[in-house]
Every structure is written in structure tokens, then in C-alpha cells.
Amino acid sequence: KWEKNRFTGRELRGKTVGIVGMGRVGSVV
């Protein structure tokens, strides 16, 4: 059974991400 309605996502476009630490990994993120 695949209960697709139980798995909902979230739209990321237009959202704000805050990054603490902008070294090598933070820059890639």
C-alpha cells in the first residue's frame, strides 16, 4: 500500500534559510 497522502512535502522556493557557519560546508549549502 502506498498512502501518498500521508507523505506531504514543503515548498522551498521563496523560503529563507539561515546558515550559521559559512565555511566549506556552509558555502555548499
mmCIF file of all heavy atoms, coordinates in Angstrom:
data_MODEL
# 
_entry.id   MODEL 
# 
loop_
_atom_site.group_PDB 
_atom_site.id 
_atom_site.type_symbol 
_atom_site.label_atom_id 
_atom_site.label_alt_id 
_atom_site.label_comp_id 
_atom_site.label_asym_id 
_atom_site.label_entity_id 
_atom_site.label_seq_id 
_atom_site.pdbx_PDB_ins_code 
_atom_site.Cartn_x 
_atom_site.Cartn_y 
_atom_site.Cartn_z 
_atom_site.occupancy 
_atom_site.B_iso_or_equiv 
_atom_site.pdbx_formal_charge 
_atom_site.auth_seq_id 
_atom_site.auth_comp_id 
_atom_site.auth_asym_id 
_atom_site.auth_atom_id 
_atom_site.pdbx_PDB_model_num 
ATOM 1   N N   . LYS A 1 1  ? 0.861  -1.182 0.000  1.00 0.00 ? 1  LYS A N   1 
ATOM 2   C CA  . LYS A 1 1  ? 0.000  0.000  0.000  1.00 0.00 ? 1  LYS A CA  1 
ATOM 3   C C   . LYS A 1 1  ? 0.895  1.230  0.000  1.00 0.00 ? 1  LYS A C   1 
ATOM 4   O O   . LYS A 1 1  ? 1.878  1.280  0.714  1.00 0.00 ? 1  LYS A O   1 
ATOM 5   C CB  . LYS A 1 1  ? -0.866 0.051  1.271  1.00 0.00 ? 1  LYS A CB  1 
ATOM 6   C CG  . LYS A 1 1  ? -2.033 -0.871 1.256  1.00 0.00 ? 1  LYS A CG  1 
ATOM 7   C CD  . LYS A 1 1  ? -3.035 -0.618 2.377  1.00 0.00 ? 1  LYS A CD  1 
ATOM 8   C CE  . LYS A 1 1  ? -2.467 -0.148 3.677  1.00 0.00 ? 1  LYS A CE  1 
ATOM 9   N NZ  . LYS A 1 1  ? -3.443 -0.143 4.772  1.00 0.00 ? 1  LYS A NZ  1 
ATOM 10  N N   . TRP A 1 2  ? 0.549  2.166  -0.809 1.00 0.00 ? 2  TRP A N   1 
ATOM 11  C CA  . TRP A 1 2  ? 1.271  3.434  -0.823 1.00 0.00 ? 2  TRP A CA  1 
ATOM 12  C C   . TRP A 1 2  ? 0.276  4.519  -0.469 1.00 0.00 ? 2  TRP A C   1 
ATOM 13  O O   . TRP A 1 2  ? -0.535 4.921  -1.279 1.00 0.00 ? 2  TRP A O   1 
ATOM 14  C CB  . TRP A 1 2  ? 1.899  3.687  -2.183 1.00 0.00 ? 2  TRP A CB  1 
ATOM 15  C CG  . TRP A 1 2  ? 2.580  5.022  -2.279 1.00 0.00 ? 2  TRP A CG  1 
ATOM 16  C CD1 . TRP A 1 2  ? 2.141  6.115  -2.962 1.00 0.00 ? 2  TRP A CD1 1 
ATOM 17  C CD2 . TRP A 1 2  ? 3.800  5.405  -1.653 1.00 0.00 ? 2  TRP A CD2 1 
ATOM 18  N NE1 . TRP A 1 2  ? 3.014  7.157  -2.803 1.00 0.00 ? 2  TRP A NE1 1 
ATOM 19  C CE2 . TRP A 1 2  ? 4.045  6.746  -1.997 1.00 0.00 ? 2  TRP A CE2 1 
ATOM 20  C CE3 . TRP A 1 2  ? 4.706  4.758  -0.818 1.00 0.00 ? 2  TRP A CE3 1 
ATOM 21  C CZ2 . TRP A 1 2  ? 5.162  7.450  -1.550 1.00 0.00 ? 2  TRP A CZ2 1 
ATOM 22  C CZ3 . TRP A 1 2  ? 5.812  5.463  -0.382 1.00 0.00 ? 2  TRP A CZ3 1 
ATOM 23  C CH2 . TRP A 1 2  ? 6.029  6.786  -0.757 1.00 0.00 ? 2  TRP A CH2 1 
ATOM 24  N N   . GLU A 1 3  ? 0.341  4.982  0.767  1.00 0.00 ? 3  GLU A N   1 
ATOM 25  C CA  . GLU A 1 3  ? -0.572 6.021  1.233  1.00 0.00 ? 3  GLU A CA  1 
ATOM 26  C C   . GLU A 1 3  ? 0.074  7.382  0.998  1.00 0.00 ? 3  GLU A C   1 
ATOM 27  O O   . GLU A 1 3  ? 0.607  8.006  1.910  1.00 0.00 ? 3  GLU A O   1 
ATOM 28  C CB  . GLU A 1 3  ? -0.891 5.794  2.702  1.00 0.00 ? 3  GLU A CB  1 
ATOM 29  C CG  . GLU A 1 3  ? -1.611 4.472  2.948  1.00 0.00 ? 3  GLU A CG  1 
ATOM 30  C CD  . GLU A 1 3  ? -1.858 4.222  4.423  1.00 0.00 ? 3  GLU A CD  1 
ATOM 31  O OE1 . GLU A 1 3  ? -2.047 5.205  5.162  1.00 0.00 ? 3  GLU A OE1 1 
ATOM 32  O OE2 . GLU A 1 3  ? -1.851 3.052  4.813  1.00 0.00 ? 3  GLU A OE2 1 
ATOM 33  N N   . LYS A 1 4  ? -0.003 7.794  -0.234 1.00 0.00 ? 4  LYS A N   1 
ATOM 34  C CA  . LYS A 1 4  ? 0.687  9.003  -0.672 1.00 0.00 ? 4  LYS A CA  1 
ATOM 35  C C   . LYS A 1 4  ? 0.265  10.236 0.130  1.00 0.00 ? 4  LYS A C   1 
ATOM 36  O O   . LYS A 1 4  ? 1.084  11.102 0.421  1.00 0.00 ? 4  LYS A O   1 
ATOM 37  C CB  . LYS A 1 4  ? 0.408  9.225  -2.165 1.00 0.00 ? 4  LYS A CB  1 
ATOM 38  C CG  . LYS A 1 4  ? 1.154  10.377 -2.758 1.00 0.00 ? 4  LYS A CG  1 
ATOM 39  C CD  . LYS A 1 4  ? 0.871  10.482 -4.237 1.00 0.00 ? 4  LYS A CD  1 
ATOM 40  C CE  . LYS A 1 4  ? 1.537  11.679 -4.835 1.00 0.00 ? 4  LYS A CE  1 
ATOM 41  N NZ  . LYS A 1 4  ? 1.238  11.837 -6.236 1.00 0.00 ? 4  LYS A NZ  1 
ATOM 42  N N   . ASN A 1 5  ? -0.982 10.301 0.533  1.00 0.00 ? 5  ASN A N   1 
ATOM 43  C CA  . ASN A 1 5  ? -1.463 11.482 1.251  1.00 0.00 ? 5  ASN A CA  1 
ATOM 44  C C   . ASN A 1 5  ? -0.848 11.616 2.649  1.00 0.00 ? 5  ASN A C   1 
ATOM 45  O O   . ASN A 1 5  ? -0.912 12.671 3.254  1.00 0.00 ? 5  ASN A O   1 
ATOM 46  C CB  . ASN A 1 5  ? -2.983 11.482 1.340  1.00 0.00 ? 5  ASN A CB  1 
ATOM 47  C CG  . ASN A 1 5  ? -3.531 10.260 2.053  1.00 0.00 ? 5  ASN A CG  1 
ATOM 48  O OD1 . ASN A 1 5  ? -2.817 9.287  2.264  1.00 0.00 ? 5  ASN A OD1 1 
ATOM 49  N ND2 . ASN A 1 5  ? -4.799 10.301 2.407  1.00 0.00 ? 5  ASN A ND2 1 
ATOM 50  N N   . ARG A 1 6  ? -0.229 10.570 3.171  1.00 0.00 ? 6  ARG A N   1 
ATOM 51  C CA  . ARG A 1 6  ? 0.438  10.645 4.467  1.00 0.00 ? 6  ARG A CA  1 
ATOM 52  C C   . ARG A 1 6  ? 1.795  11.320 4.386  1.00 0.00 ? 6  ARG A C   1 
ATOM 53  O O   . ARG A 1 6  ? 2.352  11.720 5.401  1.00 0.00 ? 6  ARG A O   1 
ATOM 54  C CB  . ARG A 1 6  ? 0.619  9.245  5.051  1.00 0.00 ? 6  ARG A CB  1 
ATOM 55  C CG  . ARG A 1 6  ? -0.676 8.616  5.503  1.00 0.00 ? 6  ARG A CG  1 
ATOM 56  C CD  . ARG A 1 6  ? -0.456 7.278  6.184  1.00 0.00 ? 6  ARG A CD  1 
ATOM 57  N NE  . ARG A 1 6  ? 0.470  7.428  7.296  1.00 0.00 ? 6  ARG A NE  1 
ATOM 58  C CZ  . ARG A 1 6  ? 1.287  6.477  7.707  1.00 0.00 ? 6  ARG A CZ  1 
ATOM 59  N NH1 . ARG A 1 6  ? 1.312  5.305  7.102  1.00 0.00 ? 6  ARG A NH1 1 
ATOM 60  N NH2 . ARG A 1 6  ? 2.092  6.669  8.722  1.00 0.00 ? 6  ARG A NH2 1 
ATOM 61  N N   . PHE A 1 7  ? 2.333  11.432 3.181  1.00 0.00 ? 7  PHE A N   1 
ATOM 62  C CA  . PHE A 1 7  ? 3.663  11.997 2.997  1.00 0.00 ? 7  PHE A CA  1 
ATOM 63  C C   . PHE A 1 7  ? 3.565  13.288 2.194  1.00 0.00 ? 7  PHE A C   1 
ATOM 64  O O   . PHE A 1 7  ? 3.481  13.267 0.977  1.00 0.00 ? 7  PHE A O   1 
ATOM 65  C CB  . PHE A 1 7  ? 4.569  10.998 2.271  1.00 0.00 ? 7  PHE A CB  1 
ATOM 66  C CG  . PHE A 1 7  ? 4.662  9.677  2.984  1.00 0.00 ? 7  PHE A CG  1 
ATOM 67  C CD1 . PHE A 1 7  ? 3.904  8.599  2.577  1.00 0.00 ? 7  PHE A CD1 1 
ATOM 68  C CD2 . PHE A 1 7  ? 5.505  9.544  4.073  1.00 0.00 ? 7  PHE A CD2 1 
ATOM 69  C CE1 . PHE A 1 7  ? 3.983  7.391  3.240  1.00 0.00 ? 7  PHE A CE1 1 
ATOM 70  C CE2 . PHE A 1 7  ? 5.599  8.346  4.740  1.00 0.00 ? 7  PHE A CE2 1 
ATOM 71  C CZ  . PHE A 1 7  ? 4.835  7.256  4.329  1.00 0.00 ? 7  PHE A CZ  1 
ATOM 72  N N   . THR A 1 8  ? 3.563  14.393 2.910  1.00 0.00 ? 8  THR A N   1 
ATOM 73  C CA  . THR A 1 8  ? 3.467  15.681 2.230  1.00 0.00 ? 8  THR A CA  1 
ATOM 74  C C   . THR A 1 8  ? 4.795  16.416 2.362  1.00 0.00 ? 8  THR A C   1 
ATOM 75  O O   . THR A 1 8  ? 5.506  16.279 3.359  1.00 0.00 ? 8  THR A O   1 
ATOM 76  C CB  . THR A 1 8  ? 2.341  16.546 2.818  1.00 0.00 ? 8  THR A CB  1 
ATOM 77  O OG1 . THR A 1 8  ? 2.592  16.743 4.211  1.00 0.00 ? 8  THR A OG1 1 
ATOM 78  C CG2 . THR A 1 8  ? 0.984  15.889 2.632  1.00 0.00 ? 8  THR A CG2 1 
ATOM 79  N N   . GLY A 1 9  ? 5.100  17.180 1.375  1.00 0.00 ? 9  GLY A N   1 
ATOM 80  C CA  . GLY A 1 9  ? 6.337  17.944 1.376  1.00 0.00 ? 9  GLY A CA  1 
ATOM 81  C C   . GLY A 1 9  ? 6.081  19.394 1.709  1.00 0.00 ? 9  GLY A C   1 
ATOM 82  O O   . GLY A 1 9  ? 4.973  19.787 2.073  1.00 0.00 ? 9  GLY A O   1 
ATOM 83  N N   . ARG A 1 10 ? 7.103  20.175 1.579  1.00 0.00 ? 10 ARG A N   1 
ATOM 84  C CA  . ARG A 1 10 ? 7.007  21.603 1.840  1.00 0.00 ? 10 ARG A CA  1 
ATOM 85  C C   . ARG A 1 10 ? 7.733  22.315 0.705  1.00 0.00 ? 10 ARG A C   1 
ATOM 86  O O   . ARG A 1 10 ? 8.844  21.930 0.331  1.00 0.00 ? 10 ARG A O   1 
ATOM 87  C CB  . ARG A 1 10 ? 7.667  21.913 3.174  1.00 0.00 ? 10 ARG A CB  1 
ATOM 88  C CG  . ARG A 1 10 ? 7.670  23.391 3.493  1.00 0.00 ? 10 ARG A CG  1 
ATOM 89  C CD  . ARG A 1 10 ? 8.069  23.650 4.901  1.00 0.00 ? 10 ARG A CD  1 
ATOM 90  N NE  . ARG A 1 10 ? 6.928  23.285 5.729  1.00 0.00 ? 10 ARG A NE  1 
ATOM 91  C CZ  . ARG A 1 10 ? 7.003  23.049 7.025  1.00 0.00 ? 10 ARG A CZ  1 
ATOM 92  N NH1 . ARG A 1 10 ? 8.147  23.112 7.631  1.00 0.00 ? 10 ARG A NH1 1 
ATOM 93  N NH2 . ARG A 1 10 ? 5.933  22.749 7.713  1.00 0.00 ? 10 ARG A NH2 1 
ATOM 94  N N   . GLU A 1 11 ? 7.122  23.332 0.166  1.00 0.00 ? 11 GLU A N   1 
ATOM 95  C CA  . GLU A 1 11 ? 7.723  24.111 -0.916 1.00 0.00 ? 11 GLU A CA  1 
ATOM 96  C C   . GLU A 1 11 ? 8.882  24.927 -0.365 1.00 0.00 ? 11 GLU A C   1 
ATOM 97  O O   . GLU A 1 11 ? 8.727  25.648 0.619  1.00 0.00 ? 11 GLU A O   1 
ATOM 98  C CB  . GLU A 1 11 ? 6.671  25.034 -1.533 1.00 0.00 ? 11 GLU A CB  1 
ATOM 99  C CG  . GLU A 1 11 ? 7.180  25.891 -2.669 1.00 0.00 ? 11 GLU A CG  1 
ATOM 100 C CD  . GLU A 1 11 ? 7.558  25.081 -3.901 1.00 0.00 ? 11 GLU A CD  1 
ATOM 101 O OE1 . GLU A 1 11 ? 6.884  24.091 -4.189 1.00 0.00 ? 11 GLU A OE1 1 
ATOM 102 O OE2 . GLU A 1 11 ? 8.535  25.465 -4.561 1.00 0.00 ? 11 GLU A OE2 1 
ATOM 103 N N   . LEU A 1 12 ? 10.056 24.808 -0.959 1.00 0.00 ? 12 LEU A N   1 
ATOM 104 C CA  . LEU A 1 12 ? 11.225 25.548 -0.503 1.00 0.00 ? 12 LEU A CA  1 
ATOM 105 C C   . LEU A 1 12 ? 11.416 26.864 -1.243 1.00 0.00 ? 12 LEU A C   1 
ATOM 106 O O   . LEU A 1 12 ? 11.993 27.805 -0.702 1.00 0.00 ? 12 LEU A O   1 
ATOM 107 C CB  . LEU A 1 12 ? 12.480 24.688 -0.667 1.00 0.00 ? 12 LEU A CB  1 
ATOM 108 C CG  . LEU A 1 12 ? 12.515 23.412 0.171  1.00 0.00 ? 12 LEU A CG  1 
ATOM 109 C CD1 . LEU A 1 12 ? 13.782 22.621 -0.129 1.00 0.00 ? 12 LEU A CD1 1 
ATOM 110 C CD2 . LEU A 1 12 ? 12.393 23.718 1.645  1.00 0.00 ? 12 LEU A CD2 1 
ATOM 111 N N   . ARG A 1 13 ? 10.932 26.938 -2.468 1.00 0.00 ? 13 ARG A N   1 
ATOM 112 C CA  . ARG A 1 13 ? 11.079 28.161 -3.269 1.00 0.00 ? 13 ARG A CA  1 
ATOM 113 C C   . ARG A 1 13 ? 10.490 29.349 -2.503 1.00 0.00 ? 13 ARG A C   1 
ATOM 114 O O   . ARG A 1 13 ? 9.383  29.294 -1.999 1.00 0.00 ? 13 ARG A O   1 
ATOM 115 C CB  . ARG A 1 13 ? 10.367 28.014 -4.603 1.00 0.00 ? 13 ARG A CB  1 
ATOM 116 C CG  . ARG A 1 13 ? 10.431 29.269 -5.478 1.00 0.00 ? 13 ARG A CG  1 
ATOM 117 C CD  . ARG A 1 13 ? 9.553  29.143 -6.706 1.00 0.00 ? 13 ARG A CD  1 
ATOM 118 N NE  . ARG A 1 13 ? 9.975  28.050 -7.551 1.00 0.00 ? 13 ARG A NE  1 
ATOM 119 C CZ  . ARG A 1 13 ? 10.790 28.179 -8.599 1.00 0.00 ? 13 ARG A CZ  1 
ATOM 120 N NH1 . ARG A 1 13 ? 11.278 29.356 -8.908 1.00 0.00 ? 13 ARG A NH1 1 
ATOM 121 N NH2 . ARG A 1 13 ? 11.101 27.134 -9.324 1.00 0.00 ? 13 ARG A NH2 1 
ATOM 122 N N   . GLY A 1 14 ? 11.284 30.406 -2.389 1.00 0.00 ? 14 GLY A N   1 
ATOM 123 C CA  . GLY A 1 14 ? 10.821 31.623 -1.739 1.00 0.00 ? 14 GLY A CA  1 
ATOM 124 C C   . GLY A 1 14 ? 10.973 31.626 -0.219 1.00 0.00 ? 14 GLY A C   1 
ATOM 125 O O   . GLY A 1 14 ? 10.746 32.647 0.418  1.00 0.00 ? 14 GLY A O   1 
ATOM 126 N N   . LYS A 1 15 ? 11.370 30.508 0.355  1.00 0.00 ? 15 LYS A N   1 
ATOM 127 C CA  . LYS A 1 15 ? 11.589 30.447 1.797  1.00 0.00 ? 15 LYS A CA  1 
ATOM 128 C C   . LYS A 1 15 ? 12.994 30.965 2.112  1.00 0.00 ? 15 LYS A C   1 
ATOM 129 O O   . LYS A 1 15 ? 13.847 31.084 1.238  1.00 0.00 ? 15 LYS A O   1 
ATOM 130 C CB  . LYS A 1 15 ? 11.449 29.014 2.324  1.00 0.00 ? 15 LYS A CB  1 
ATOM 131 C CG  . LYS A 1 15 ? 10.084 28.395 2.124  1.00 0.00 ? 15 LYS A CG  1 
ATOM 132 C CD  . LYS A 1 15 ? 9.077  29.019 3.045  1.00 0.00 ? 15 LYS A CD  1 
ATOM 133 C CE  . LYS A 1 15 ? 7.772  28.267 3.128  1.00 0.00 ? 15 LYS A CE  1 
ATOM 134 N NZ  . LYS A 1 15 ? 7.026  28.072 1.946  1.00 0.00 ? 15 LYS A NZ  1 
ATOM 135 N N   . THR A 1 16 ? 13.216 31.269 3.379  1.00 0.00 ? 16 THR A N   1 
ATOM 136 C CA  . THR A 1 16 ? 14.515 31.777 3.817  1.00 0.00 ? 16 THR A CA  1 
ATOM 137 C C   . THR A 1 16 ? 15.229 30.715 4.632  1.00 0.00 ? 16 THR A C   1 
ATOM 138 O O   . THR A 1 16 ? 14.665 30.168 5.574  1.00 0.00 ? 16 THR A O   1 
ATOM 139 C CB  . THR A 1 16 ? 14.332 33.041 4.679  1.00 0.00 ? 16 THR A CB  1 
ATOM 140 O OG1 . THR A 1 16 ? 13.684 34.044 3.897  1.00 0.00 ? 16 THR A OG1 1 
ATOM 141 C CG2 . THR A 1 16 ? 15.669 33.567 5.175  1.00 0.00 ? 16 THR A CG2 1 
ATOM 142 N N   . VAL A 1 17 ? 16.473 30.447 4.242  1.00 0.00 ? 17 VAL A N   1 
ATOM 143 C CA  . VAL A 1 17 ? 17.317 29.531 5.015  1.00 0.00 ? 17 VAL A CA  1 
ATOM 144 C C   . VAL A 1 17 ? 18.403 30.364 5.681  1.00 0.00 ? 17 VAL A C   1 
ATOM 145 O O   . VAL A 1 17 ? 19.025 31.217 5.055  1.00 0.00 ? 17 VAL A O   1 
ATOM 146 C CB  . VAL A 1 17 ? 17.920 28.395 4.155  1.00 0.00 ? 17 VAL A CB  1 
ATOM 147 C CG1 . VAL A 1 17 ? 18.812 28.914 3.057  1.00 0.00 ? 17 VAL A CG1 1 
ATOM 148 C CG2 . VAL A 1 17 ? 18.667 27.401 5.029  1.00 0.00 ? 17 VAL A CG2 1 
ATOM 149 N N   . GLY A 1 18 ? 18.575 30.130 6.965  1.00 0.00 ? 18 GLY A N   1 
ATOM 150 C CA  . GLY A 1 18 ? 19.636 30.776 7.720  1.00 0.00 ? 18 GLY A CA  1 
ATOM 151 C C   . GLY A 1 18 ? 20.765 29.790 7.925  1.00 0.00 ? 18 GLY A C   1 
ATOM 152 O O   . GLY A 1 18 ? 20.548 28.675 8.393  1.00 0.00 ? 18 GLY A O   1 
ATOM 153 N N   . ILE A 1 19 ? 21.967 30.190 7.558  1.00 0.00 ? 19 ILE A N   1 
ATOM 154 C CA  . ILE A 1 19 ? 23.129 29.315 7.687  1.00 0.00 ? 19 ILE A CA  1 
ATOM 155 C C   . ILE A 1 19 ? 24.067 29.904 8.737  1.00 0.00 ? 19 ILE A C   1 
ATOM 156 O O   . ILE A 1 19 ? 24.518 31.039 8.603  1.00 0.00 ? 19 ILE A O   1 
ATOM 157 C CB  . ILE A 1 19 ? 23.859 29.151 6.345  1.00 0.00 ? 19 ILE A CB  1 
ATOM 158 C CG1 . ILE A 1 19 ? 22.911 28.596 5.278  1.00 0.00 ? 19 ILE A CG1 1 
ATOM 159 C CG2 . ILE A 1 19 ? 25.072 28.247 6.517  1.00 0.00 ? 19 ILE A CG2 1 
ATOM 160 C CD1 . ILE A 1 19 ? 23.516 28.509 3.895  1.00 0.00 ? 19 ILE A CD1 1 
ATOM 161 N N   . VAL A 1 20 ? 24.332 29.125 9.766  1.00 0.00 ? 20 VAL A N   1 
ATOM 162 C CA  . VAL A 1 20 ? 25.296 29.513 10.788 1.00 0.00 ? 20 VAL A CA  1 
ATOM 163 C C   . VAL A 1 20 ? 26.592 28.776 10.469 1.00 0.00 ? 20 VAL A C   1 
ATOM 164 O O   . VAL A 1 20 ? 26.642 27.550 10.530 1.00 0.00 ? 20 VAL A O   1 
ATOM 165 C CB  . VAL A 1 20 ? 24.788 29.145 12.201 1.00 0.00 ? 20 VAL A CB  1 
ATOM 166 C CG1 . VAL A 1 20 ? 25.830 29.512 13.247 1.00 0.00 ? 20 VAL A CG1 1 
ATOM 167 C CG2 . VAL A 1 20 ? 23.451 29.818 12.488 1.00 0.00 ? 20 VAL A CG2 1 
ATOM 168 N N   . GLY A 1 21 ? 27.605 29.542 10.099 1.00 0.00 ? 21 GLY A N   1 
ATOM 169 C CA  . GLY A 1 21 ? 28.887 28.948 9.713  1.00 0.00 ? 21 GLY A CA  1 
ATOM 170 C C   . GLY A 1 21 ? 29.004 28.852 8.211  1.00 0.00 ? 21 GLY A C   1 
ATOM 171 O O   . GLY A 1 21 ? 28.400 27.993 7.596  1.00 0.00 ? 21 GLY A O   1 
ATOM 172 N N   . MET A 1 22 ? 29.774 29.761 7.630  1.00 0.00 ? 22 MET A N   1 
ATOM 173 C CA  . MET A 1 22 ? 29.890 29.814 6.167  1.00 0.00 ? 22 MET A CA  1 
ATOM 174 C C   . MET A 1 22 ? 31.259 29.358 5.689  1.00 0.00 ? 22 MET A C   1 
ATOM 175 O O   . MET A 1 22 ? 31.845 29.931 4.784  1.00 0.00 ? 22 MET A O   1 
ATOM 176 C CB  . MET A 1 22 ? 29.614 31.240 5.679  1.00 0.00 ? 22 MET A CB  1 
ATOM 177 C CG  . MET A 1 22 ? 28.154 31.626 5.728  1.00 0.00 ? 22 MET A CG  1 
ATOM 178 S SD  . MET A 1 22 ? 27.112 30.590 4.698  1.00 0.00 ? 22 MET A SD  1 
ATOM 179 C CE  . MET A 1 22 ? 27.754 30.955 3.075  1.00 0.00 ? 22 MET A CE  1 
ATOM 180 N N   . GLY A 1 23 ? 31.753 28.288 6.273  1.00 0.00 ? 23 GLY A N   1 
ATOM 181 C CA  . GLY A 1 23 ? 32.992 27.682 5.793  1.00 0.00 ? 23 GLY A CA  1 
ATOM 182 C C   . GLY A 1 23 ? 32.724 26.842 4.562  1.00 0.00 ? 23 GLY A C   1 
ATOM 183 O O   . GLY A 1 23 ? 31.801 27.120 3.784  1.00 0.00 ? 23 GLY A O   1 
ATOM 184 N N   . ARG A 1 24 ? 33.484 25.798 4.390  1.00 0.00 ? 24 ARG A N   1 
ATOM 185 C CA  . ARG A 1 24 ? 33.373 24.947 3.203  1.00 0.00 ? 24 ARG A CA  1 
ATOM 186 C C   . ARG A 1 24 ? 31.970 24.347 3.067  1.00 0.00 ? 24 ARG A C   1 
ATOM 187 O O   . ARG A 1 24 ? 31.345 24.460 2.015  1.00 0.00 ? 24 ARG A O   1 
ATOM 188 C CB  . ARG A 1 24 ? 34.438 23.854 3.259  1.00 0.00 ? 24 ARG A CB  1 
ATOM 189 C CG  . ARG A 1 24 ? 34.532 23.022 2.007  1.00 0.00 ? 24 ARG A CG  1 
ATOM 190 C CD  . ARG A 1 24 ? 35.683 22.028 2.051  1.00 0.00 ? 24 ARG A CD  1 
ATOM 191 N NE  . ARG A 1 24 ? 35.584 21.136 3.200  1.00 0.00 ? 24 ARG A NE  1 
ATOM 192 C CZ  . ARG A 1 24 ? 36.497 21.008 4.156  1.00 0.00 ? 24 ARG A CZ  1 
ATOM 193 N NH1 . ARG A 1 24 ? 37.595 21.727 4.111  1.00 0.00 ? 24 ARG A NH1 1 
ATOM 194 N NH2 . ARG A 1 24 ? 36.323 20.182 5.161  1.00 0.00 ? 24 ARG A NH2 1 
ATOM 195 N N   . VAL A 1 25 ? 31.472 23.739 4.120  1.00 0.00 ? 25 VAL A N   1 
ATOM 196 C CA  . VAL A 1 25 ? 30.161 23.078 4.038  1.00 0.00 ? 25 VAL A CA  1 
ATOM 197 C C   . VAL A 1 25 ? 29.039 24.111 3.948  1.00 0.00 ? 25 VAL A C   1 
ATOM 198 O O   . VAL A 1 25 ? 28.120 23.980 3.127  1.00 0.00 ? 25 VAL A O   1 
ATOM 199 C CB  . VAL A 1 25 ? 29.952 22.136 5.245  1.00 0.00 ? 25 VAL A CB  1 
ATOM 200 C CG1 . VAL A 1 25 ? 28.554 21.562 5.246  1.00 0.00 ? 25 VAL A CG1 1 
ATOM 201 C CG2 . VAL A 1 25 ? 30.984 21.019 5.220  1.00 0.00 ? 25 VAL A CG2 1 
ATOM 202 N N   . GLY A 1 26 ? 29.088 25.148 4.768  1.00 0.00 ? 26 GLY A N   1 
ATOM 203 C CA  . GLY A 1 26 ? 28.053 26.179 4.720  1.00 0.00 ? 26 GLY A CA  1 
ATOM 204 C C   . GLY A 1 26 ? 27.947 26.835 3.357  1.00 0.00 ? 26 GLY A C   1 
ATOM 205 O O   . GLY A 1 26 ? 26.854 27.138 2.874  1.00 0.00 ? 26 GLY A O   1 
ATOM 206 N N   . SER A 1 27 ? 29.089 27.036 2.696  1.00 0.00 ? 27 SER A N   1 
ATOM 207 C CA  . SER A 1 27 ? 29.091 27.640 1.355  1.00 0.00 ? 27 SER A CA  1 
ATOM 208 C C   . SER A 1 27 ? 28.417 26.731 0.333  1.00 0.00 ? 27 SER A C   1 
ATOM 209 O O   . SER A 1 27 ? 27.685 27.205 -0.542 1.00 0.00 ? 27 SER A O   1 
ATOM 210 C CB  . SER A 1 27 ? 30.531 27.923 0.911  1.00 0.00 ? 27 SER A CB  1 
ATOM 211 O OG  . SER A 1 27 ? 31.132 28.847 1.784  1.00 0.00 ? 27 SER A OG  1 
ATOM 212 N N   . VAL A 1 28 ? 28.633 25.427 0.447  1.00 0.00 ? 28 VAL A N   1 
ATOM 213 C CA  . VAL A 1 28 ? 27.991 24.479 -0.461 1.00 0.00 ? 28 VAL A CA  1 
ATOM 214 C C   . VAL A 1 28 ? 26.483 24.449 -0.206 1.00 0.00 ? 28 VAL A C   1 
ATOM 215 O O   . VAL A 1 28 ? 25.684 24.431 -1.148 1.00 0.00 ? 28 VAL A O   1 
ATOM 216 C CB  . VAL A 1 28 ? 28.605 23.069 -0.313 1.00 0.00 ? 28 VAL A CB  1 
ATOM 217 C CG1 . VAL A 1 28 ? 27.803 22.037 -1.088 1.00 0.00 ? 28 VAL A CG1 1 
ATOM 218 C CG2 . VAL A 1 28 ? 30.043 23.078 -0.781 1.00 0.00 ? 28 VAL A CG2 1 
ATOM 219 N N   . VAL A 1 29 ? 26.088 24.480 1.052  1.00 0.00 ? 29 VAL A N   1 
ATOM 220 C CA  . VAL A 1 29 ? 24.661 24.503 1.384  1.00 0.00 ? 29 VAL A CA  1 
ATOM 221 C C   . VAL A 1 29 ? 24.013 25.761 0.811  1.00 0.00 ? 29 VAL A C   1 
ATOM 222 O O   . VAL A 1 29 ? 22.917 25.702 0.249  1.00 0.00 ? 29 VAL A O   1 
ATOM 223 C CB  . VAL A 1 29 ? 24.450 24.412 2.913  1.00 0.00 ? 29 VAL A CB  1 
ATOM 224 C CG1 . VAL A 1 29 ? 22.995 24.646 3.278  1.00 0.00 ? 29 VAL A CG1 1 
ATOM 225 C CG2 . VAL A 1 29 ? 24.911 23.062 3.436  1.00 0.00 ? 29 VAL A CG2 1 
# 
